Amino acid sequence: ALFHCRYTTHGLTILENTHPFRVAGRPN
């Protein structure tokens, strides 16, 4: 598993900016 906790420095504090991300074009 891969865990991340965020401290906002750029952009809004929203779910869309929360890690982990799926790599664009590679859902796996």
mmCIF file of all heavy atoms, coordinates in Angstrom:
data_MODEL
# 
_entry.id   MODEL 
# 
loop_
_atom_site.group_PDB 
_atom_site.id 
_atom_site.type_symbol 
_atom_site.label_atom_id 
_atom_site.label_alt_id 
_atom_site.label_comp_id 
_atom_site.label_asym_id 
_atom_site.label_entity_id 
_atom_site.label_seq_id 
_atom_site.pdbx_PDB_ins_code 
_atom_site.Cartn_x 
_atom_site.Cartn_y 
_atom_site.Cartn_z 
_atom_site.occupancy 
_atom_site.B_iso_or_equiv 
_atom_site.pdbx_formal_charge 
_atom_site.auth_seq_id 
_atom_site.auth_comp_id 
_atom_site.auth_asym_id 
_atom_site.auth_atom_id 
_atom_site.pdbx_PDB_model_num 
ATOM 1   N N   . ALA A 1 1  ? 0.831   -1.204 0.000   1.00 0.00 ? 1  ALA A N   1 
ATOM 2   C CA  . ALA A 1 1  ? 0.000   0.000  0.000   1.00 0.00 ? 1  ALA A CA  1 
ATOM 3   C C   . ALA A 1 1  ? 0.863   1.251  0.000   1.00 0.00 ? 1  ALA A C   1 
ATOM 4   O O   . ALA A 1 1  ? 2.034   1.235  0.405   1.00 0.00 ? 1  ALA A O   1 
ATOM 5   C CB  . ALA A 1 1  ? -0.947  -0.003 1.197   1.00 0.00 ? 1  ALA A CB  1 
ATOM 6   N N   . LEU A 1 2  ? 0.249   2.345  -0.429  1.00 0.00 ? 2  LEU A N   1 
ATOM 7   C CA  . LEU A 1 2  ? 0.907   3.644  -0.542  1.00 0.00 ? 2  LEU A CA  1 
ATOM 8   C C   . LEU A 1 2  ? 0.034   4.688  0.151   1.00 0.00 ? 2  LEU A C   1 
ATOM 9   O O   . LEU A 1 2  ? -1.111  4.912  -0.243  1.00 0.00 ? 2  LEU A O   1 
ATOM 10  C CB  . LEU A 1 2  ? 1.103   3.992  -2.024  1.00 0.00 ? 2  LEU A CB  1 
ATOM 11  C CG  . LEU A 1 2  ? 1.536   5.404  -2.401  1.00 0.00 ? 2  LEU A CG  1 
ATOM 12  C CD1 . LEU A 1 2  ? 2.874   5.749  -1.764  1.00 0.00 ? 2  LEU A CD1 1 
ATOM 13  C CD2 . LEU A 1 2  ? 1.611   5.536  -3.920  1.00 0.00 ? 2  LEU A CD2 1 
ATOM 14  N N   . PHE A 1 3  ? 0.571   5.303  1.208   1.00 0.00 ? 3  PHE A N   1 
ATOM 15  C CA  . PHE A 1 3  ? -0.161  6.315  1.979   1.00 0.00 ? 3  PHE A CA  1 
ATOM 16  C C   . PHE A 1 3  ? 0.486   7.684  1.810   1.00 0.00 ? 3  PHE A C   1 
ATOM 17  O O   . PHE A 1 3  ? 1.708   7.802  1.673   1.00 0.00 ? 3  PHE A O   1 
ATOM 18  C CB  . PHE A 1 3  ? -0.169  5.932  3.463   1.00 0.00 ? 3  PHE A CB  1 
ATOM 19  C CG  . PHE A 1 3  ? -0.737  6.997  4.355   1.00 0.00 ? 3  PHE A CG  1 
ATOM 20  C CD1 . PHE A 1 3  ? -2.111  7.134  4.512   1.00 0.00 ? 3  PHE A CD1 1 
ATOM 21  C CD2 . PHE A 1 3  ? 0.105   7.873  5.029   1.00 0.00 ? 3  PHE A CD2 1 
ATOM 22  C CE1 . PHE A 1 3  ? -2.637  8.137  5.328   1.00 0.00 ? 3  PHE A CE1 1 
ATOM 23  C CE2 . PHE A 1 3  ? -0.414  8.873  5.848   1.00 0.00 ? 3  PHE A CE2 1 
ATOM 24  C CZ  . PHE A 1 3  ? -1.787  9.005  6.005   1.00 0.00 ? 3  PHE A CZ  1 
ATOM 25  N N   . HIS A 1 4  ? -0.351  8.730  1.835   1.00 0.00 ? 4  HIS A N   1 
ATOM 26  C CA  . HIS A 1 4  ? 0.156   10.102 1.753   1.00 0.00 ? 4  HIS A CA  1 
ATOM 27  C C   . HIS A 1 4  ? -0.733  11.021 2.577   1.00 0.00 ? 4  HIS A C   1 
ATOM 28  O O   . HIS A 1 4  ? -1.960  10.867 2.604   1.00 0.00 ? 4  HIS A O   1 
ATOM 29  C CB  . HIS A 1 4  ? 0.145   10.584 0.290   1.00 0.00 ? 4  HIS A CB  1 
ATOM 30  C CG  . HIS A 1 4  ? 0.695   11.971 0.091   1.00 0.00 ? 4  HIS A CG  1 
ATOM 31  N ND1 . HIS A 1 4  ? -0.059  13.108 0.315   1.00 0.00 ? 4  HIS A ND1 1 
ATOM 32  C CD2 . HIS A 1 4  ? 1.914   12.403 -0.323  1.00 0.00 ? 4  HIS A CD2 1 
ATOM 33  C CE1 . HIS A 1 4  ? 0.684   14.183 0.051   1.00 0.00 ? 4  HIS A CE1 1 
ATOM 34  N NE2 . HIS A 1 4  ? 1.886   13.778 -0.335  1.00 0.00 ? 4  HIS A NE2 1 
ATOM 35  N N   . CYS A 1 5  ? -0.119  11.954 3.302   1.00 0.00 ? 5  CYS A N   1 
ATOM 36  C CA  . CYS A 1 5  ? -0.870  13.037 3.946   1.00 0.00 ? 5  CYS A CA  1 
ATOM 37  C C   . CYS A 1 5  ? -0.299  14.363 3.452   1.00 0.00 ? 5  CYS A C   1 
ATOM 38  O O   . CYS A 1 5  ? 0.912   14.512 3.281   1.00 0.00 ? 5  CYS A O   1 
ATOM 39  C CB  . CYS A 1 5  ? -0.838  12.930 5.464   1.00 0.00 ? 5  CYS A CB  1 
ATOM 40  S SG  . CYS A 1 5  ? 0.779   12.730 6.215   1.00 0.00 ? 5  CYS A SG  1 
ATOM 41  N N   . ARG A 1 6  ? -1.202  15.311 3.213   1.00 0.00 ? 6  ARG A N   1 
ATOM 42  C CA  . ARG A 1 6  ? -0.856  16.524 2.469   1.00 0.00 ? 6  ARG A CA  1 
ATOM 43  C C   . ARG A 1 6  ? -0.872  17.775 3.336   1.00 0.00 ? 6  ARG A C   1 
ATOM 44  O O   . ARG A 1 6  ? -1.724  17.933 4.211   1.00 0.00 ? 6  ARG A O   1 
ATOM 45  C CB  . ARG A 1 6  ? -1.846  16.714 1.311   1.00 0.00 ? 6  ARG A CB  1 
ATOM 46  C CG  . ARG A 1 6  ? -1.588  17.946 0.442   1.00 0.00 ? 6  ARG A CG  1 
ATOM 47  C CD  . ARG A 1 6  ? -2.615  18.097 -0.660  1.00 0.00 ? 6  ARG A CD  1 
ATOM 48  N NE  . ARG A 1 6  ? -2.323  19.251 -1.487  1.00 0.00 ? 6  ARG A NE  1 
ATOM 49  C CZ  . ARG A 1 6  ? -3.204  20.162 -1.858  1.00 0.00 ? 6  ARG A CZ  1 
ATOM 50  N NH1 . ARG A 1 6  ? -4.477  20.043 -1.479  1.00 0.00 ? 6  ARG A NH1 1 
ATOM 51  N NH2 . ARG A 1 6  ? -2.850  21.192 -2.608  1.00 0.00 ? 6  ARG A NH2 1 
ATOM 52  N N   . TYR A 1 7  ? 0.080   18.641 3.052   1.00 0.00 ? 7  TYR A N   1 
ATOM 53  C CA  . TYR A 1 7  ? 0.089   20.005 3.564   1.00 0.00 ? 7  TYR A CA  1 
ATOM 54  C C   . TYR A 1 7  ? -0.006  20.916 2.349   1.00 0.00 ? 7  TYR A C   1 
ATOM 55  O O   . TYR A 1 7  ? 0.872   20.910 1.490   1.00 0.00 ? 7  TYR A O   1 
ATOM 56  C CB  . TYR A 1 7  ? 1.366   20.298 4.355   1.00 0.00 ? 7  TYR A CB  1 
ATOM 57  C CG  . TYR A 1 7  ? 1.374   21.650 5.017   1.00 0.00 ? 7  TYR A CG  1 
ATOM 58  C CD1 . TYR A 1 7  ? 0.892   21.814 6.314   1.00 0.00 ? 7  TYR A CD1 1 
ATOM 59  C CD2 . TYR A 1 7  ? 1.848   22.776 4.337   1.00 0.00 ? 7  TYR A CD2 1 
ATOM 60  C CE1 . TYR A 1 7  ? 0.879   23.050 6.918   1.00 0.00 ? 7  TYR A CE1 1 
ATOM 61  C CE2 . TYR A 1 7  ? 1.833   24.020 4.932   1.00 0.00 ? 7  TYR A CE2 1 
ATOM 62  C CZ  . TYR A 1 7  ? 1.353   24.152 6.225   1.00 0.00 ? 7  TYR A CZ  1 
ATOM 63  O OH  . TYR A 1 7  ? 1.343   25.398 6.816   1.00 0.00 ? 7  TYR A OH  1 
ATOM 64  N N   . THR A 1 8  ? -1.069  21.678 2.248   1.00 0.00 ? 8  THR A N   1 
ATOM 65  C CA  . THR A 1 8  ? -1.333  22.457 1.035   1.00 0.00 ? 8  THR A CA  1 
ATOM 66  C C   . THR A 1 8  ? -0.305  23.568 0.841   1.00 0.00 ? 8  THR A C   1 
ATOM 67  O O   . THR A 1 8  ? -0.110  24.409 1.721   1.00 0.00 ? 8  THR A O   1 
ATOM 68  C CB  . THR A 1 8  ? -2.736  23.073 1.090   1.00 0.00 ? 8  THR A CB  1 
ATOM 69  O OG1 . THR A 1 8  ? -3.704  22.027 1.192   1.00 0.00 ? 8  THR A OG1 1 
ATOM 70  C CG2 . THR A 1 8  ? -3.015  23.895 -0.166  1.00 0.00 ? 8  THR A CG2 1 
ATOM 71  N N   . THR A 1 9  ? 0.348   23.560 -0.319  1.00 0.00 ? 9  THR A N   1 
ATOM 72  C CA  . THR A 1 9  ? 1.238   24.658 -0.710  1.00 0.00 ? 9  THR A CA  1 
ATOM 73  C C   . THR A 1 9  ? 0.803   25.276 -2.038  1.00 0.00 ? 9  THR A C   1 
ATOM 74  O O   . THR A 1 9  ? 1.049   26.452 -2.275  1.00 0.00 ? 9  THR A O   1 
ATOM 75  C CB  . THR A 1 9  ? 2.690   24.172 -0.843  1.00 0.00 ? 9  THR A CB  1 
ATOM 76  O OG1 . THR A 1 9  ? 2.753   23.094 -1.806  1.00 0.00 ? 9  THR A OG1 1 
ATOM 77  C CG2 . THR A 1 9  ? 3.221   23.676 0.492   1.00 0.00 ? 9  THR A CG2 1 
ATOM 78  N N   . HIS A 1 10 ? 0.196   24.486 -2.902  1.00 0.00 ? 10 HIS A N   1 
ATOM 79  C CA  . HIS A 1 10 ? -0.285  24.966 -4.202  1.00 0.00 ? 10 HIS A CA  1 
ATOM 80  C C   . HIS A 1 10 ? -1.706  24.447 -4.415  1.00 0.00 ? 10 HIS A C   1 
ATOM 81  O O   . HIS A 1 10 ? -2.005  23.297 -4.099  1.00 0.00 ? 10 HIS A O   1 
ATOM 82  C CB  . HIS A 1 10 ? 0.599   24.470 -5.347  1.00 0.00 ? 10 HIS A CB  1 
ATOM 83  C CG  . HIS A 1 10 ? 2.002   24.990 -5.313  1.00 0.00 ? 10 HIS A CG  1 
ATOM 84  N ND1 . HIS A 1 10 ? 2.977   24.437 -4.518  1.00 0.00 ? 10 HIS A ND1 1 
ATOM 85  C CD2 . HIS A 1 10 ? 2.590   26.020 -5.974  1.00 0.00 ? 10 HIS A CD2 1 
ATOM 86  C CE1 . HIS A 1 10 ? 4.113   25.098 -4.697  1.00 0.00 ? 10 HIS A CE1 1 
ATOM 87  N NE2 . HIS A 1 10 ? 3.913   26.065 -5.579  1.00 0.00 ? 10 HIS A NE2 1 
ATOM 88  N N   . GLY A 1 11 ? -2.551  25.286 -4.974  1.00 0.00 ? 11 GLY A N   1 
ATOM 89  C CA  . GLY A 1 11 ? -3.907  24.847 -5.277  1.00 0.00 ? 11 GLY A CA  1 
ATOM 90  C C   . GLY A 1 11 ? -4.796  24.801 -4.049  1.00 0.00 ? 11 GLY A C   1 
ATOM 91  O O   . GLY A 1 11 ? -4.394  25.150 -2.932  1.00 0.00 ? 11 GLY A O   1 
ATOM 92  N N   . LEU A 1 12 ? -6.016  24.341 -4.271  1.00 0.00 ? 12 LEU A N   1 
ATOM 93  C CA  . LEU A 1 12 ? -7.007  24.304 -3.206  1.00 0.00 ? 12 LEU A CA  1 
ATOM 94  C C   . LEU A 1 12 ? -6.903  23.012 -2.386  1.00 0.00 ? 12 LEU A C   1 
ATOM 95  O O   . LEU A 1 12 ? -6.351  22.009 -2.852  1.00 0.00 ? 12 LEU A O   1 
ATOM 96  C CB  . LEU A 1 12 ? -8.410  24.399 -3.805  1.00 0.00 ? 12 LEU A CB  1 
ATOM 97  C CG  . LEU A 1 12 ? -8.749  25.670 -4.599  1.00 0.00 ? 12 LEU A CG  1 
ATOM 98  C CD1 . LEU A 1 12 ? -10.162 25.571 -5.172  1.00 0.00 ? 12 LEU A CD1 1 
ATOM 99  C CD2 . LEU A 1 12 ? -8.604  26.910 -3.725  1.00 0.00 ? 12 LEU A CD2 1 
ATOM 100 N N   . THR A 1 13 ? -7.440  23.064 -1.198  1.00 0.00 ? 13 THR A N   1 
ATOM 101 C CA  . THR A 1 13 ? -7.534  21.866 -0.368  1.00 0.00 ? 13 THR A CA  1 
ATOM 102 C C   . THR A 1 13 ? -8.832  21.161 -0.723  1.00 0.00 ? 13 THR A C   1 
ATOM 103 O O   . THR A 1 13 ? -9.876  21.368 -0.103  1.00 0.00 ? 13 THR A O   1 
ATOM 104 C CB  . THR A 1 13 ? -7.493  22.245 1.127   1.00 0.00 ? 13 THR A CB  1 
ATOM 105 O OG1 . THR A 1 13 ? -6.260  22.935 1.391   1.00 0.00 ? 13 THR A OG1 1 
ATOM 106 C CG2 . THR A 1 13 ? -7.568  21.003 2.006   1.00 0.00 ? 13 THR A CG2 1 
ATOM 107 N N   . ILE A 1 14 ? -8.750  20.315 -1.743  1.00 0.00 ? 14 ILE A N   1 
ATOM 108 C CA  . ILE A 1 14 ? -9.915  19.596 -2.266  1.00 0.00 ? 14 ILE A CA  1 
ATOM 109 C C   . ILE A 1 14 ? -9.500  18.161 -2.559  1.00 0.00 ? 14 ILE A C   1 
ATOM 110 O O   . ILE A 1 14 ? -8.303  17.850 -2.692  1.00 0.00 ? 14 ILE A O   1 
ATOM 111 C CB  . ILE A 1 14 ? -10.479 20.266 -3.542  1.00 0.00 ? 14 ILE A CB  1 
ATOM 112 C CG1 . ILE A 1 14 ? -9.379  20.417 -4.601  1.00 0.00 ? 14 ILE A CG1 1 
ATOM 113 C CG2 . ILE A 1 14 ? -11.100 21.610 -3.211  1.00 0.00 ? 14 ILE A CG2 1 
ATOM 114 C CD1 . ILE A 1 14 ? -9.850  21.037 -5.916  1.00 0.00 ? 14 ILE A CD1 1 
ATOM 115 N N   . LEU A 1 15 ? -10.481 17.279 -2.692  1.00 0.00 ? 15 LEU A N   1 
ATOM 116 C CA  . LEU A 1 15 ? -10.174 15.876 -2.944  1.00 0.00 ? 15 LEU A CA  1 
ATOM 117 C C   . LEU A 1 15 ? -9.399  15.678 -4.237  1.00 0.00 ? 15 LEU A C   1 
ATOM 118 O O   . LEU A 1 15 ? -8.558  14.777 -4.340  1.00 0.00 ? 15 LEU A O   1 
ATOM 119 C CB  . LEU A 1 15 ? -11.463 15.044 -2.970  1.00 0.00 ? 15 LEU A CB  1 
ATOM 120 C CG  . LEU A 1 15 ? -12.143 14.807 -1.623  1.00 0.00 ? 15 LEU A CG  1 
ATOM 121 C CD1 . LEU A 1 15 ? -13.472 14.091 -1.821  1.00 0.00 ? 15 LEU A CD1 1 
ATOM 122 C CD2 . LEU A 1 15 ? -11.240 14.001 -0.694  1.00 0.00 ? 15 LEU A CD2 1 
ATOM 123 N N   . GLU A 1 16 ? -9.681  16.501 -5.225  1.00 0.00 ? 16 GLU A N   1 
ATOM 124 C CA  . GLU A 1 16 ? -9.016  16.359 -6.528  1.00 0.00 ? 16 GLU A CA  1 
ATOM 125 C C   . GLU A 1 16 ? -7.513  16.608 -6.435  1.00 0.00 ? 16 GLU A C   1 
ATOM 126 O O   . GLU A 1 16 ? -6.759  16.213 -7.330  1.00 0.00 ? 16 GLU A O   1 
ATOM 127 C CB  . GLU A 1 16 ? -9.643  17.306 -7.543  1.00 0.00 ? 16 GLU A CB  1 
ATOM 128 C CG  . GLU A 1 16 ? -11.056 16.919 -7.969  1.00 0.00 ? 16 GLU A CG  1 
ATOM 129 C CD  . GLU A 1 16 ? -12.113 17.371 -6.972  1.00 0.00 ? 16 GLU A CD  1 
ATOM 130 O OE1 . GLU A 1 16 ? -11.758 17.984 -5.937  1.00 0.00 ? 16 GLU A OE1 1 
ATOM 131 O OE2 . GLU A 1 16 ? -13.310 17.114 -7.230  1.00 0.00 ? 16 GLU A OE2 1 
ATOM 132 N N   . ASN A 1 17 ? -7.067  17.270 -5.379  1.00 0.00 ? 17 ASN A N   1 
ATOM 133 C CA  . ASN A 1 17 ? -5.635  17.530 -5.196  1.00 0.00 ? 17 ASN A CA  1 
ATOM 134 C C   . ASN A 1 17 ? -4.997  16.603 -4.168  1.00 0.00 ? 17 ASN A C   1 
ATOM 135 O O   . ASN A 1 17 ? -3.839  16.786 -3.800  1.00 0.00 ? 17 ASN A O   1 
ATOM 136 C CB  . ASN A 1 17 ? -5.416  18.981 -4.755  1.00 0.00 ? 17 ASN A CB  1 
ATOM 137 C CG  . ASN A 1 17 ? -5.653  19.967 -5.879  1.00 0.00 ? 17 ASN A CG  1 
ATOM 138 O OD1 . ASN A 1 17 ? -5.537  19.629 -7.058  1.00 0.00 ? 17 ASN A OD1 1 
ATOM 139 N ND2 . ASN A 1 17 ? -6.007  21.190 -5.528  1.00 0.00 ? 17 ASN A ND2 1 
ATOM 140 N N   . THR A 1 18 ? -5.757  15.613 -3.711  1.00 0.00 ? 18 THR A N   1 
ATOM 141 C CA  . THR A 1 18 ? -5.277  14.724 -2.664  1.00 0.00 ? 18 THR A CA  1 
ATOM 142 C C   . THR A 1 18 ? -4.576  13.510 -3.260  1.00 0.00 ? 18 THR A C   1 
ATOM 143 O O   . THR A 1 18 ? -5.058  12.915 -4.216  1.00 0.00 ? 18 THR A O   1 
ATOM 144 C CB  . THR A 1 18 ? -6.460  14.281 -1.772  1.00 0.00 ? 18 THR A CB  1 
ATOM 145 O OG1 . THR A 1 18 ? -7.139  15.441 -1.279  1.00 0.00 ? 18 THR A OG1 1 
ATOM 146 C CG2 . THR A 1 18 ? -5.974  13.458 -0.601  1.00 0.00 ? 18 THR A CG2 1 
ATOM 147 N N   . HIS A 1 19 ? -3.447  13.145 -2.694  1.00 0.00 ? 19 HIS A N   1 
ATOM 148 C CA  . HIS A 1 19 ? -2.675  11.992 -3.124  1.00 0.00 ? 19 HIS A CA  1 
ATOM 149 C C   . HIS A 1 19 ? -3.210  10.736 -2.420  1.00 0.00 ? 19 HIS A C   1 
ATOM 150 O O   . HIS A 1 19 ? -3.843  10.851 -1.367  1.00 0.00 ? 19 HIS A O   1 
ATOM 151 C CB  . HIS A 1 19 ? -1.208  12.146 -2.722  1.00 0.00 ? 19 HIS A CB  1 
ATOM 152 C CG  . HIS A 1 19 ? -0.575  13.439 -3.104  1.00 0.00 ? 19 HIS A CG  1 
ATOM 153 N ND1 . HIS A 1 19 ? 0.716   13.526 -3.584  1.00 0.00 ? 19 HIS A ND1 1 
ATOM 154 C CD2 . HIS A 1 19 ? -1.011  14.722 -3.038  1.00 0.00 ? 19 HIS A CD2 1 
ATOM 155 C CE1 . HIS A 1 19 ? 1.033   14.793 -3.795  1.00 0.00 ? 19 HIS A CE1 1 
ATOM 156 N NE2 . HIS A 1 19 ? -0.019  15.532 -3.467  1.00 0.00 ? 19 HIS A NE2 1 
ATOM 157 N N   . PRO A 1 20 ? -2.884  9.559  -2.913  1.00 0.00 ? 20 PRO A N   1 
ATOM 158 C CA  . PRO A 1 20 ? -2.197  9.254  -4.167  1.00 0.00 ? 20 PRO A CA  1 
ATOM 159 C C   . PRO A 1 20 ? -3.088  9.530  -5.388  1.00 0.00 ? 20 PRO A C   1 
ATOM 160 O O   . PRO A 1 20 ? -4.311  9.470  -5.298  1.00 0.00 ? 20 PRO A O   1 
ATOM 161 C CB  . PRO A 1 20 ? -1.905  7.750  -4.056  1.00 0.00 ? 20 PRO A CB  1 
ATOM 162 C CG  . PRO A 1 20 ? -2.061  7.394  -2.610  1.00 0.00 ? 20 PRO A CG  1 
ATOM 163 C CD  . PRO A 1 20 ? -3.096  8.331  -2.097  1.00 0.00 ? 20 PRO A CD  1 
ATOM 164 N N   . PHE A 1 21 ? -2.427  9.829  -6.491  1.00 0.00 ? 21 PHE A N   1 
ATOM 165 C CA  . PHE A 1 21 ? -3.094  10.006 -7.778  1.00 0.00 ? 21 PHE A CA  1 
ATOM 166 C C   . PHE A 1 21 ? -2.922  8.736  -8.608  1.00 0.00 ? 21 PHE A C   1 
ATOM 167 O O   . PHE A 1 21 ? -1.914  8.049  -8.500  1.00 0.00 ? 21 PHE A O   1 
ATOM 168 C CB  . PHE A 1 21 ? -2.464  11.162 -8.561  1.00 0.00 ? 21 PHE A CB  1 
ATOM 169 C CG  . PHE A 1 21 ? -2.646  12.517 -7.957  1.00 0.00 ? 21 PHE A CG  1 
ATOM 170 C CD1 . PHE A 1 21 ? -1.746  13.012 -7.018  1.00 0.00 ? 21 PHE A CD1 1 
ATOM 171 C CD2 . PHE A 1 21 ? -3.714  13.318 -8.328  1.00 0.00 ? 21 PHE A CD2 1 
ATOM 172 C CE1 . PHE A 1 21 ? -1.905  14.270 -6.468  1.00 0.00 ? 21 PHE A CE1 1 
ATOM 173 C CE2 . PHE A 1 21 ? -3.883  14.581 -7.791  1.00 0.00 ? 21 PHE A CE2 1 
ATOM 174 C CZ  . PHE A 1 21 ? -2.979  15.054 -6.852  1.00 0.00 ? 21 PHE A CZ  1 
ATOM 175 N N   . ARG A 1 22 ? -3.900  8.476  -9.446  1.00 0.00 ? 22 ARG A N   1 
ATOM 176 C CA  . ARG A 1 22 ? -3.664  7.513  -10.525 1.00 0.00 ? 22 ARG A CA  1 
ATOM 177 C C   . ARG A 1 22 ? -2.916  8.257  -11.619 1.00 0.00 ? 22 ARG A C   1 
ATOM 178 O O   . ARG A 1 22 ? -3.295  9.376  -11.990 1.00 0.00 ? 22 ARG A O   1 
ATOM 179 C CB  . ARG A 1 22 ? -4.975  6.963  -11.068 1.00 0.00 ? 22 ARG A CB  1 
ATOM 180 C CG  . ARG A 1 22 ? -5.757  6.107  -10.062 1.00 0.00 ? 22 ARG A CG  1 
ATOM 181 C CD  . ARG A 1 22 ? -7.012  5.542  -10.697 1.00 0.00 ? 22 ARG A CD  1 
ATOM 182 N NE  . ARG A 1 22 ? -7.888  4.918  -9.718  1.00 0.00 ? 22 ARG A NE  1 
ATOM 183 C CZ  . ARG A 1 22 ? -7.840  3.636  -9.359  1.00 0.00 ? 22 ARG A CZ  1 
ATOM 184 N NH1 . ARG A 1 22 ? -6.952  2.843  -9.924  1.00 0.00 ? 22 ARG A NH1 1 
ATOM 185 N NH2 . ARG A 1 22 ? -8.675  3.146  -8.451  1.00 0.00 ? 22 ARG A NH2 1 
ATOM 186 N N   . VAL A 1 23 ? -1.852  7.649  -12.119 1.00 0.00 ? 23 VAL A N   1 
ATOM 187 C CA  . VAL A 1 23 ? -1.097  8.283  -13.194 1.00 0.00 ? 23 VAL A CA  1 
ATOM 188 C C   . VAL A 1 23 ? -2.014  8.464  -14.400 1.00 0.00 ? 23 VAL A C   1 
ATOM 189 O O   . VAL A 1 23 ? -2.737  7.529  -14.789 1.00 0.00 ? 23 VAL A O   1 
ATOM 190 C CB  . VAL A 1 23 ? 0.139   7.448  -13.565 1.00 0.00 ? 23 VAL A CB  1 
ATOM 191 C CG1 . VAL A 1 23 ? 0.822   7.997  -14.809 1.00 0.00 ? 23 VAL A CG1 1 
ATOM 192 C CG2 . VAL A 1 23 ? 1.117   7.406  -12.389 1.00 0.00 ? 23 VAL A CG2 1 
ATOM 193 N N   . ALA A 1 24 ? -2.015  9.659  -14.947 1.00 0.00 ? 24 ALA A N   1 
ATOM 194 C CA  . ALA A 1 24 ? -2.899  9.982  -16.063 1.00 0.00 ? 24 ALA A CA  1 
ATOM 195 C C   . ALA A 1 24 ? -2.728  8.980  -17.197 1.00 0.00 ? 24 ALA A C   1 
ATOM 196 O O   . ALA A 1 24 ? -1.614  8.748  -17.673 1.00 0.00 ? 24 ALA A O   1 
ATOM 197 C CB  . ALA A 1 24 ? -2.613  11.398 -16.562 1.00 0.00 ? 24 ALA A CB  1 
ATOM 198 N N   . GLY A 1 25 ? -3.827  8.357  -17.608 1.00 0.00 ? 25 GLY A N   1 
ATOM 199 C CA  . GLY A 1 25 ? -3.802  7.382  -18.689 1.00 0.00 ? 25 GLY A CA  1 
ATOM 200 C C   . GLY A 1 25 ? -3.398  5.986  -18.254 1.00 0.00 ? 25 GLY A C   1 
ATOM 201 O O   . GLY A 1 25 ? -3.393  5.070  -19.082 1.00 0.00 ? 25 GLY A O   1 
ATOM 202 N N   . ARG A 1 26 ? -3.087  5.798  -16.958 1.00 0.00 ? 26 ARG A N   1 
ATOM 203 C CA  . ARG A 1 26 ? -2.677  4.476  -16.472 1.00 0.00 ? 26 ARG A CA  1 
ATOM 204 C C   . ARG A 1 26 ? -3.390  4.184  -15.148 1.00 0.00 ? 26 ARG A C   1 
ATOM 205 O O   . ARG A 1 26 ? -2.836  4.397  -14.062 1.00 0.00 ? 26 ARG A O   1 
ATOM 206 C CB  . ARG A 1 26 ? -1.161  4.408  -16.298 1.00 0.00 ? 26 ARG A CB  1 
ATOM 207 C CG  . ARG A 1 26 ? -0.392  4.528  -17.631 1.00 0.00 ? 26 ARG A CG  1 
ATOM 208 C CD  . ARG A 1 26 ? 1.068   4.250  -17.431 1.00 0.00 ? 26 ARG A CD  1 
ATOM 209 N NE  . ARG A 1 26 ? 1.298   2.919  -16.897 1.00 0.00 ? 26 ARG A NE  1 
ATOM 210 C CZ  . ARG A 1 26 ? 2.501   2.492  -16.472 1.00 0.00 ? 26 ARG A CZ  1 
ATOM 211 N NH1 . ARG A 1 26 ? 3.550   3.295  -16.546 1.00 0.00 ? 26 ARG A NH1 1 
ATOM 212 N NH2 . ARG A 1 26 ? 2.644   1.275  -15.989 1.00 0.00 ? 26 ARG A NH2 1 
ATOM 213 N N   . PRO A 1 27 ? -4.609  3.725  -15.208 1.00 0.00 ? 27 PRO A N   1 
ATOM 214 C CA  . PRO A 1 27 ? -5.401  3.530  -13.991 1.00 0.00 ? 27 PRO A CA  1 
ATOM 215 C C   . PRO A 1 27 ? -4.841  2.483  -13.040 1.00 0.00 ? 27 PRO A C   1 
ATOM 216 O O   . PRO A 1 27 ? -5.234  2.451  -11.866 1.00 0.00 ? 27 PRO A O   1 
ATOM 217 C CB  . PRO A 1 27 ? -6.767  3.092  -14.538 1.00 0.00 ? 27 PRO A CB  1 
ATOM 218 C CG  . PRO A 1 27 ? -6.490  2.553  -15.905 1.00 0.00 ? 27 PRO A CG  1 
ATOM 219 C CD  . PRO A 1 27 ? -5.354  3.362  -16.434 1.00 0.00 ? 27 PRO A CD  1 
ATOM 220 N N   . ASN A 1 28 ? -3.928  1.640  -13.503 1.00 0.00 ? 28 ASN A N   1 
ATOM 221 C CA  . ASN A 1 28 ? -3.342  0.617  -12.644 1.00 0.00 ? 28 ASN A CA  1 
ATOM 222 C C   . ASN A 1 28 ? -1.983  1.020  -12.077 1.00 0.00 ? 28 ASN A C   1 
ATOM 223 O O   . ASN A 1 28 ? -1.210  0.159  -11.628 1.00 0.00 ? 28 ASN A O   1 
ATOM 224 C CB  . ASN A 1 28 ? -3.219  -0.710 -13.385 1.00 0.00 ? 28 ASN A CB  1 
ATOM 225 C CG  . ASN A 1 28 ? -4.576  -1.384 -13.546 1.00 0.00 ? 28 ASN A CG  1 
ATOM 226 O OD1 . ASN A 1 28 ? -5.434  -1.274 -12.669 1.00 0.00 ? 28 ASN A OD1 1 
ATOM 227 N ND2 . ASN A 1 28 ? -4.761  -2.065 -14.659 1.00 0.00 ? 28 ASN A ND2 1 
# 
